[in-house]
Amino acid sequence: MMRPLAAIGVSLALAFTGCAANEGNNSGSGDSSSSLEGTLQGTGASSMKVAQENWVSAFQQKNTGVTINYSPEGSGAGREAFMGGGADFAGSDRAFKDEENKAGKFGKCTPESIAYDLPLYISPIAVVFNVKGVDKLQLDAATTAGIFKGEIKKWNDPKIAKLNPDAKLPNANITAVHRSDDSGTTENFTDYMNKVAPKVWDKEADGEWPYSGGEAAKGTSGVVAAVQNGVNTIGYADASQVGELKVAEIGEGGKYSGPTADAAAKVVENSPQVEGRHEHDLALKLDRKAEGYPIVLVAYVMVCQDYKDDKTAELVKSYATYMASDEGQKKAQETAGSAPLSAALSDKVKASIESVK
């Protein structure tokens, strides 16, 4: 049964490590020294790149014997690496599906183990644009869907003009940029358009771009660069990484708002857990019609219920505990603009981490 949650406040070459940050002598739990040693490999969501950079750095300063590598190659790559045994943990902007989360399918887990989906990063997805002479842009779901599907081809199309009567929209072709890789950000973005504008976006949510046309770019940074360096462009990316790009306001019925952490928190507040999951598998069914800014993502850290190697389990539990801690959530909020976990969701996550073995 769905259980509502309480309120809540690019490539491998670019993979980062905290080797240079191994300073200090405090453990993840705040002890004066840490006996933890070893290396963890994480792979996955590029949306979490900024948060992971800061989590890794802070954790390694507290645990000088630990090295954590996180490769922001995309959600699909993260899930694949975790299933194949190439990663000790994965980052993904969508949870494992029921059919994926079967015993014996994860390389670092014992044969009888499932994976836990731990929601540790809550963030809005920004619709970014770079159109000469346009500083403000308002879009509803149907118009957004029409643009990214390729049905709305010109910036001065009547459907865009109606929503932006004061804008000087050019008679220019729209270049809509989407992810080329299997992306959880894409899956959340397409889920929004399908749920709110199904007559236009007639494909269900998918991490792989479902329509032909447009311009493809790899990873969050690739989309941001393509929009920034292109002409009359539009794209979507985790709000933490949009830089100086202009951001569209999204809404319905004349009510528009930009992406904020508070808005992302409200969506998760109204979102139940997926039915039929293990009590410690915290996959969420996001409410795309919640009030406020509707395009949000929850990035999960995926871990084994039971690791083959006890030392790996100890390291993963310690690092996940730091990410879920008040300190870890505050650091992500300050550096990536994410929404912190609510007290209720935080308690659930910590209980799940504690049960890992």
Protein backbone atom coordinates (compact mmCIF):
# COMPACT_ATOMS: atom_id res chain seq x y z
CA MET A 1 0.00 0.00 0.00
CA MET A 2 1.26 3.50 -0.82
CA ARG A 3 2.38 5.41 2.27
CA PRO A 4 2.49 9.24 2.04
CA LEU A 5 5.61 10.84 3.42
CA ALA A 6 5.62 13.61 5.94
CA ALA A 7 6.53 17.14 4.91
CA ILE A 8 10.10 18.02 3.94
CA GLY A 9 11.65 21.22 4.16
CA VAL A 10 30.89 13.28 -17.79
CA SER A 11 32.16 10.77 -18.56
CA LEU A 12 34.66 8.58 -16.71
CA ALA A 13 37.42 10.97 -17.62
CA LEU A 14 35.70 13.57 -15.51
CA ALA A 15 35.24 11.22 -12.58
CA PHE A 16 36.38 12.86 -9.42
CA THR A 17 38.04 11.57 -6.31
CA GLY A 18 38.81 13.17 -3.02
CA CYS A 19 42.41 12.01 -2.89
CA ALA A 20 43.63 15.57 -2.51
CA ALA A 21 41.07 16.16 0.21
CA ASN A 22 42.31 13.44 2.55
CA GLU A 23 43.06 15.80 5.38
CA GLY A 24 41.84 16.00 8.95
CA ASN A 25 41.30 13.22 11.46
CA ASN A 26 37.57 12.90 12.15
CA SER A 27 35.41 9.93 11.24
CA GLY A 28 32.04 10.21 9.53
CA SER A 29 30.32 9.90 12.90
CA GLY A 30 32.27 12.76 14.40
CA ASP A 31 34.87 10.72 16.31
CA SER A 32 38.34 12.21 16.79
CA SER A 33 39.89 9.47 14.65
CA SER A 34 38.74 6.98 12.05
CA SER A 35 39.86 3.41 11.54
CA LEU A 36 38.07 3.10 8.21
CA GLU A 37 40.26 2.16 5.26
CA GLY A 38 39.61 1.22 1.67
CA THR A 39 38.26 2.44 -1.65
CA LEU A 40 34.69 2.72 -2.91
CA GLN A 41 33.60 3.08 -6.53
CA GLY A 42 30.35 4.86 -7.24
CA THR A 43 28.92 5.47 -10.71
CA GLY A 44 25.76 7.16 -11.86
CA ALA A 45 23.60 10.24 -12.01
CA SER A 46 25.30 13.39 -13.27
CA SER A 47 22.58 15.40 -11.49
CA MET A 48 24.30 14.50 -8.22
CA LYS A 49 27.74 15.58 -9.44
CA VAL A 50 28.01 18.75 -7.33
CA ALA A 51 26.57 17.10 -4.23
CA GLN A 52 28.81 14.05 -4.60
CA GLU A 53 31.91 16.20 -5.07
CA ASN A 54 31.22 17.90 -1.76
CA TRP A 55 30.13 14.77 0.07
CA VAL A 56 33.26 12.93 -1.04
CA SER A 57 35.55 15.77 -0.02
CA ALA A 58 33.99 16.19 3.42
CA PHE A 59 33.82 12.46 4.14
CA GLN A 60 37.46 11.89 3.19
CA GLN A 61 38.61 14.76 5.36
CA LYS A 62 37.01 12.90 8.26
CA ASN A 63 38.25 9.48 7.13
CA THR A 64 41.78 9.82 5.80
CA GLY A 65 42.16 6.13 5.04
CA VAL A 66 39.23 6.09 2.63
CA THR A 67 39.15 6.99 -1.05
CA ILE A 68 35.80 7.39 -2.82
CA ASN A 69 35.52 7.66 -6.59
CA TYR A 70 32.26 8.83 -8.13
CA SER A 71 31.91 8.80 -11.92
CA PRO A 72 28.94 10.98 -13.05
CA GLU A 73 28.30 8.98 -16.23
CA GLY A 74 24.50 9.03 -16.02
CA SER A 75 21.82 7.08 -14.22
CA GLY A 76 21.65 4.26 -16.74
CA ALA A 77 25.42 3.75 -16.59
CA GLY A 78 25.24 3.71 -12.81
CA ARG A 79 22.54 1.06 -12.66
CA GLU A 80 24.38 -1.03 -15.25
CA ALA A 81 27.67 -0.77 -13.35
CA PHE A 82 26.02 -1.74 -10.07
CA MET A 83 24.27 -4.71 -11.64
CA GLY A 84 27.46 -5.86 -13.34
CA GLY A 85 29.68 -5.49 -10.28
CA GLY A 86 31.64 -2.49 -11.53
CA ALA A 87 30.39 -0.20 -8.75
CA ASP A 88 30.00 -0.58 -5.00
CA PHE A 89 27.08 1.83 -5.09
CA ALA A 90 25.17 3.60 -7.83
CA GLY A 91 23.48 6.96 -8.25
CA SER A 92 20.26 7.11 -10.25
CA ASP A 93 17.46 9.61 -10.79
CA ARG A 94 15.03 6.74 -10.85
CA ALA A 95 14.72 3.70 -8.64
CA PHE A 96 15.22 0.16 -9.83
CA LYS A 97 12.06 -1.25 -11.37
CA ASP A 98 10.49 -4.31 -9.77
CA GLU A 99 11.69 -6.57 -12.55
CA GLU A 100 15.24 -5.22 -12.18
CA ASN A 101 15.39 -5.61 -8.43
CA LYS A 102 15.58 -9.38 -8.34
CA ALA A 103 17.79 -11.54 -6.16
CA GLY A 104 21.15 -12.47 -7.62
CA LYS A 105 21.29 -9.65 -10.19
CA PHE A 106 23.81 -7.33 -8.51
CA GLY A 107 27.52 -8.02 -8.78
CA LYS A 108 28.68 -6.86 -5.33
CA CYS A 109 25.64 -8.33 -3.50
CA THR A 110 25.09 -11.84 -2.22
CA PRO A 111 22.92 -14.00 -4.51
CA GLU A 112 19.84 -13.66 -2.32
CA SER A 113 20.22 -9.88 -1.88
CA ILE A 114 18.06 -7.16 -3.36
CA ALA A 115 19.12 -3.53 -3.81
CA TYR A 116 17.89 -0.70 -1.64
CA ASP A 117 16.94 2.57 -3.33
CA LEU A 118 17.87 5.33 -0.86
CA PRO A 119 16.47 8.80 -1.73
CA LEU A 120 19.33 11.09 -0.75
CA TYR A 121 19.15 13.99 -3.19
CA ILE A 122 15.99 16.00 -3.97
CA SER A 123 16.25 18.68 -6.63
CA PRO A 124 14.25 20.59 -9.25
CA ILE A 125 14.98 20.17 -12.96
CA ALA A 126 15.40 23.51 -14.71
CA VAL A 127 14.29 24.23 -18.27
CA VAL A 128 17.11 26.42 -19.56
CA PHE A 129 17.16 28.57 -22.69
CA ASN A 130 19.44 30.82 -24.70
CA VAL A 131 17.39 33.00 -27.04
CA LYS A 132 18.64 36.37 -28.21
CA GLY A 133 16.54 39.20 -26.83
CA VAL A 134 14.50 36.97 -24.50
CA ASP A 135 15.19 37.24 -20.78
CA LYS A 136 11.97 35.74 -19.41
CA LEU A 137 10.07 32.73 -20.68
CA GLN A 138 6.87 31.13 -19.40
CA LEU A 139 5.82 27.66 -20.51
CA ASP A 140 3.04 25.23 -19.69
CA ALA A 141 3.33 21.47 -19.99
CA ALA A 142 1.68 21.17 -23.41
CA THR A 143 3.90 23.87 -24.93
CA THR A 144 7.03 22.42 -23.33
CA ALA A 145 6.11 19.01 -24.70
CA GLY A 146 5.45 20.45 -28.16
CA ILE A 147 8.84 22.16 -28.19
CA PHE A 148 10.85 19.11 -27.12
CA LYS A 149 8.83 16.74 -29.32
CA GLY A 150 9.62 18.95 -32.29
CA GLU A 151 6.05 19.94 -33.14
CA ILE A 152 6.66 23.58 -32.19
CA LYS A 153 9.52 24.63 -34.43
CA LYS A 154 9.77 28.43 -34.22
CA TRP A 155 10.31 30.67 -31.21
CA ASN A 156 7.54 33.02 -32.33
CA ASP A 157 5.03 30.18 -32.65
CA PRO A 158 1.56 31.38 -31.51
CA LYS A 159 1.50 28.85 -28.67
CA ILE A 160 4.67 30.31 -27.15
CA ALA A 161 3.65 33.88 -27.94
CA LYS A 162 0.32 33.46 -26.16
CA LEU A 163 2.10 32.56 -22.93
CA ASN A 164 4.65 35.38 -23.34
CA PRO A 165 2.78 38.43 -24.70
CA ASP A 166 5.49 40.89 -23.66
CA ALA A 167 8.46 38.92 -25.02
CA LYS A 168 10.17 39.80 -28.31
CA LEU A 169 10.27 36.27 -29.67
CA PRO A 170 12.41 35.89 -32.80
CA ASN A 171 11.29 34.26 -36.02
CA ALA A 172 13.99 31.65 -35.53
CA ASN A 173 14.21 27.87 -35.43
CA ILE A 174 14.18 26.21 -32.02
CA THR A 175 17.05 23.90 -31.16
CA ALA A 176 15.84 21.61 -28.37
CA VAL A 177 18.68 19.82 -26.60
CA HIS A 178 18.17 16.46 -24.88
CA ARG A 179 20.39 13.87 -23.24
CA SER A 180 22.09 11.32 -25.50
CA ASP A 181 22.69 8.87 -22.64
CA ASP A 182 20.26 6.81 -20.58
CA SER A 183 19.36 9.48 -18.06
CA GLY A 184 17.24 9.60 -14.93
CA THR A 185 16.88 13.34 -15.46
CA THR A 186 15.35 12.57 -18.85
CA GLU A 187 13.06 10.00 -17.29
CA ASN A 188 11.79 12.52 -14.74
CA PHE A 189 11.40 15.23 -17.39
CA THR A 190 9.49 12.97 -19.79
CA ASP A 191 7.37 11.66 -16.90
CA TYR A 192 6.27 15.22 -16.16
CA MET A 193 5.27 15.89 -19.77
CA ASN A 194 3.47 12.56 -20.12
CA LYS A 195 1.57 12.94 -16.85
CA VAL A 196 0.54 16.59 -17.38
CA ALA A 197 0.30 16.82 -21.19
CA PRO A 198 -0.39 13.26 -22.42
CA LYS A 199 -2.19 14.38 -25.58
CA VAL A 200 1.04 15.97 -26.80
CA TRP A 201 3.67 13.78 -25.13
CA ASP A 202 2.19 10.37 -25.94
CA LYS A 203 5.23 8.36 -24.84
CA GLU A 204 5.57 7.10 -21.29
CA ALA A 205 8.49 8.15 -19.11
CA ASP A 206 11.81 6.87 -20.39
CA GLY A 207 15.46 7.45 -19.60
CA GLU A 208 16.27 7.24 -23.29
CA TRP A 209 14.96 10.05 -25.50
CA PRO A 210 11.86 8.67 -27.24
CA TYR A 211 11.50 10.95 -30.28
CA SER A 212 13.71 11.72 -33.26
CA GLY A 213 15.03 15.21 -33.93
CA GLY A 214 16.54 17.82 -31.68
CA GLU A 215 20.15 17.90 -30.56
CA ALA A 216 21.63 15.26 -28.27
CA ALA A 217 24.35 15.87 -25.68
CA LYS A 218 25.90 13.57 -23.09
CA GLY A 219 25.38 14.21 -19.42
CA THR A 220 24.11 17.21 -17.55
CA SER A 221 27.22 19.21 -18.39
CA GLY A 222 26.83 18.34 -22.07
CA VAL A 223 23.29 19.67 -22.22
CA VAL A 224 24.25 22.84 -20.36
CA ALA A 225 27.20 23.43 -22.71
CA ALA A 226 25.08 22.82 -25.82
CA VAL A 227 22.45 25.32 -24.70
CA GLN A 228 25.05 27.85 -23.58
CA ASN A 229 27.12 27.65 -26.76
CA GLY A 230 24.24 27.24 -29.20
CA VAL A 231 21.85 29.67 -30.83
CA ASN A 232 18.14 29.87 -29.92
CA THR A 233 18.48 26.78 -27.77
CA ILE A 234 16.48 25.17 -24.97
CA GLY A 235 17.25 22.19 -22.75
CA TYR A 236 16.77 20.68 -19.29
CA ALA A 237 19.22 20.02 -16.47
CA ASP A 238 19.50 19.66 -12.72
CA ALA A 239 19.06 23.16 -11.32
CA SER A 240 22.39 22.99 -9.47
CA GLN A 241 24.36 23.07 -12.72
CA VAL A 242 22.68 25.67 -14.94
CA GLY A 243 25.23 28.41 -14.19
CA GLU A 244 24.39 31.72 -15.87
CA LEU A 245 21.80 30.28 -18.23
CA LYS A 246 18.30 31.73 -18.18
CA VAL A 247 15.66 29.52 -16.63
CA ALA A 248 12.04 29.26 -17.78
CA GLU A 249 9.10 29.52 -15.43
CA ILE A 250 6.78 26.52 -15.62
CA GLY A 251 3.12 26.25 -14.71
CA GLU A 252 -0.52 25.94 -15.70
CA GLY A 253 -3.52 28.24 -15.77
CA GLY A 254 -1.52 31.46 -15.71
CA LYS A 255 0.44 30.50 -12.58
CA TYR A 256 4.16 30.10 -13.28
CA SER A 257 7.17 29.60 -11.04
CA GLY A 258 10.85 28.85 -11.31
CA PRO A 259 12.65 25.87 -9.81
CA THR A 260 13.34 26.04 -6.09
CA ALA A 261 14.33 23.55 -3.41
CA ASP A 262 11.15 24.33 -1.47
CA ALA A 263 9.02 23.49 -4.51
CA ALA A 264 10.87 20.21 -4.98
CA ALA A 265 10.29 19.41 -1.31
CA LYS A 266 6.54 19.96 -1.67
CA VAL A 267 6.32 17.48 -4.55
CA VAL A 268 8.08 14.80 -2.50
CA GLU A 269 5.82 15.65 0.46
CA ASN A 270 2.82 14.58 -1.61
CA SER A 271 4.47 11.53 -3.11
CA PRO A 272 3.87 8.01 -1.73
CA GLN A 273 6.25 5.10 -1.62
CA VAL A 274 5.95 2.58 -4.43
CA GLU A 275 3.66 -0.28 -3.47
CA GLY A 276 4.90 -3.76 -2.77
CA ARG A 277 8.55 -2.93 -2.03
CA HIS A 278 10.69 -4.17 0.84
CA GLU A 279 10.32 -1.87 3.85
CA HIS A 280 13.90 -0.63 3.40
CA ASP A 281 13.61 -0.06 -0.37
CA LEU A 282 12.43 3.55 -0.42
CA ALA A 283 11.39 4.06 -4.05
CA LEU A 284 8.93 6.95 -4.45
CA LYS A 285 6.10 7.58 -6.90
CA LEU A 286 6.43 11.31 -7.58
CA ASP A 287 3.26 13.40 -7.85
CA ARG A 288 3.69 15.43 -11.06
CA LYS A 289 0.49 17.38 -10.44
CA ALA A 290 1.40 18.70 -7.01
CA GLU A 291 1.15 22.43 -6.49
CA GLY A 292 4.19 24.52 -7.22
CA TYR A 293 7.06 23.80 -9.59
CA PRO A 294 6.29 20.36 -11.02
CA ILE A 295 9.55 19.16 -12.61
CA VAL A 296 11.62 17.57 -9.87
CA LEU A 297 13.81 14.53 -9.39
CA VAL A 298 14.80 12.32 -6.53
CA ALA A 299 18.26 10.84 -6.98
CA TYR A 300 18.76 7.52 -5.22
CA VAL A 301 21.93 5.99 -3.87
CA MET A 302 21.60 2.27 -4.63
CA VAL A 303 23.24 -0.18 -2.24
CA CYS A 304 23.16 -3.90 -1.53
CA GLN A 305 20.87 -5.27 1.12
CA ASP A 306 23.69 -7.74 1.79
CA TYR A 307 27.22 -7.29 0.41
CA LYS A 308 29.49 -10.22 -0.40
CA ASP A 309 32.36 -8.37 1.28
CA ASP A 310 31.88 -7.17 4.86
CA LYS A 311 34.52 -4.45 4.51
CA THR A 312 32.70 -2.99 1.51
CA ALA A 313 29.46 -3.06 3.47
CA GLU A 314 31.11 -1.16 6.34
CA LEU A 315 32.46 1.53 4.01
CA VAL A 316 29.19 1.91 2.10
CA LYS A 317 27.18 2.16 5.32
CA SER A 318 29.52 4.81 6.73
CA TYR A 319 29.45 6.93 3.55
CA ALA A 320 25.69 6.59 3.11
CA THR A 321 25.21 7.54 6.76
CA TYR A 322 27.19 10.72 6.12
CA MET A 323 25.15 11.61 3.02
CA ALA A 324 21.92 11.15 4.98
CA SER A 325 23.14 13.04 8.04
CA ASP A 326 22.09 16.58 8.87
CA GLU A 327 25.60 17.72 8.00
CA GLY A 328 25.59 15.91 4.66
CA GLN A 329 22.17 17.18 3.68
CA LYS A 330 23.08 20.72 4.66
CA LYS A 331 26.25 20.56 2.57
CA ALA A 332 24.25 19.43 -0.49
CA GLN A 333 21.72 22.16 0.15
CA GLU A 334 24.43 24.83 0.36
CA THR A 335 26.48 23.67 -2.62
CA ALA A 336 23.90 22.15 -4.98
CA GLY A 337 20.68 23.91 -3.95
CA SER A 338 18.94 20.63 -3.14
CA ALA A 339 16.11 20.15 -0.67
CA PRO A 340 17.05 18.45 2.60
CA LEU A 341 15.34 15.24 3.63
CA SER A 342 12.36 15.63 5.92
CA ALA A 343 12.66 14.23 9.43
CA ALA A 344 10.31 11.38 8.53
CA LEU A 345 12.11 10.46 5.31
CA SER A 346 15.49 10.85 7.00
CA ASP A 347 14.48 8.36 9.68
CA LYS A 348 13.41 5.85 7.04
CA VAL A 349 16.67 6.26 5.11
CA LYS A 350 18.81 5.87 8.24
CA ALA A 351 16.93 2.71 9.21
CA SER A 352 17.51 1.29 5.76
CA ILE A 353 21.23 2.07 5.91
CA GLU A 354 21.53 0.52 9.35
CA SER A 355 20.01 -2.72 8.04
CA VAL A 356 22.66 -3.10 5.29
CA LYS A 357 25.03 -6.01 5.99
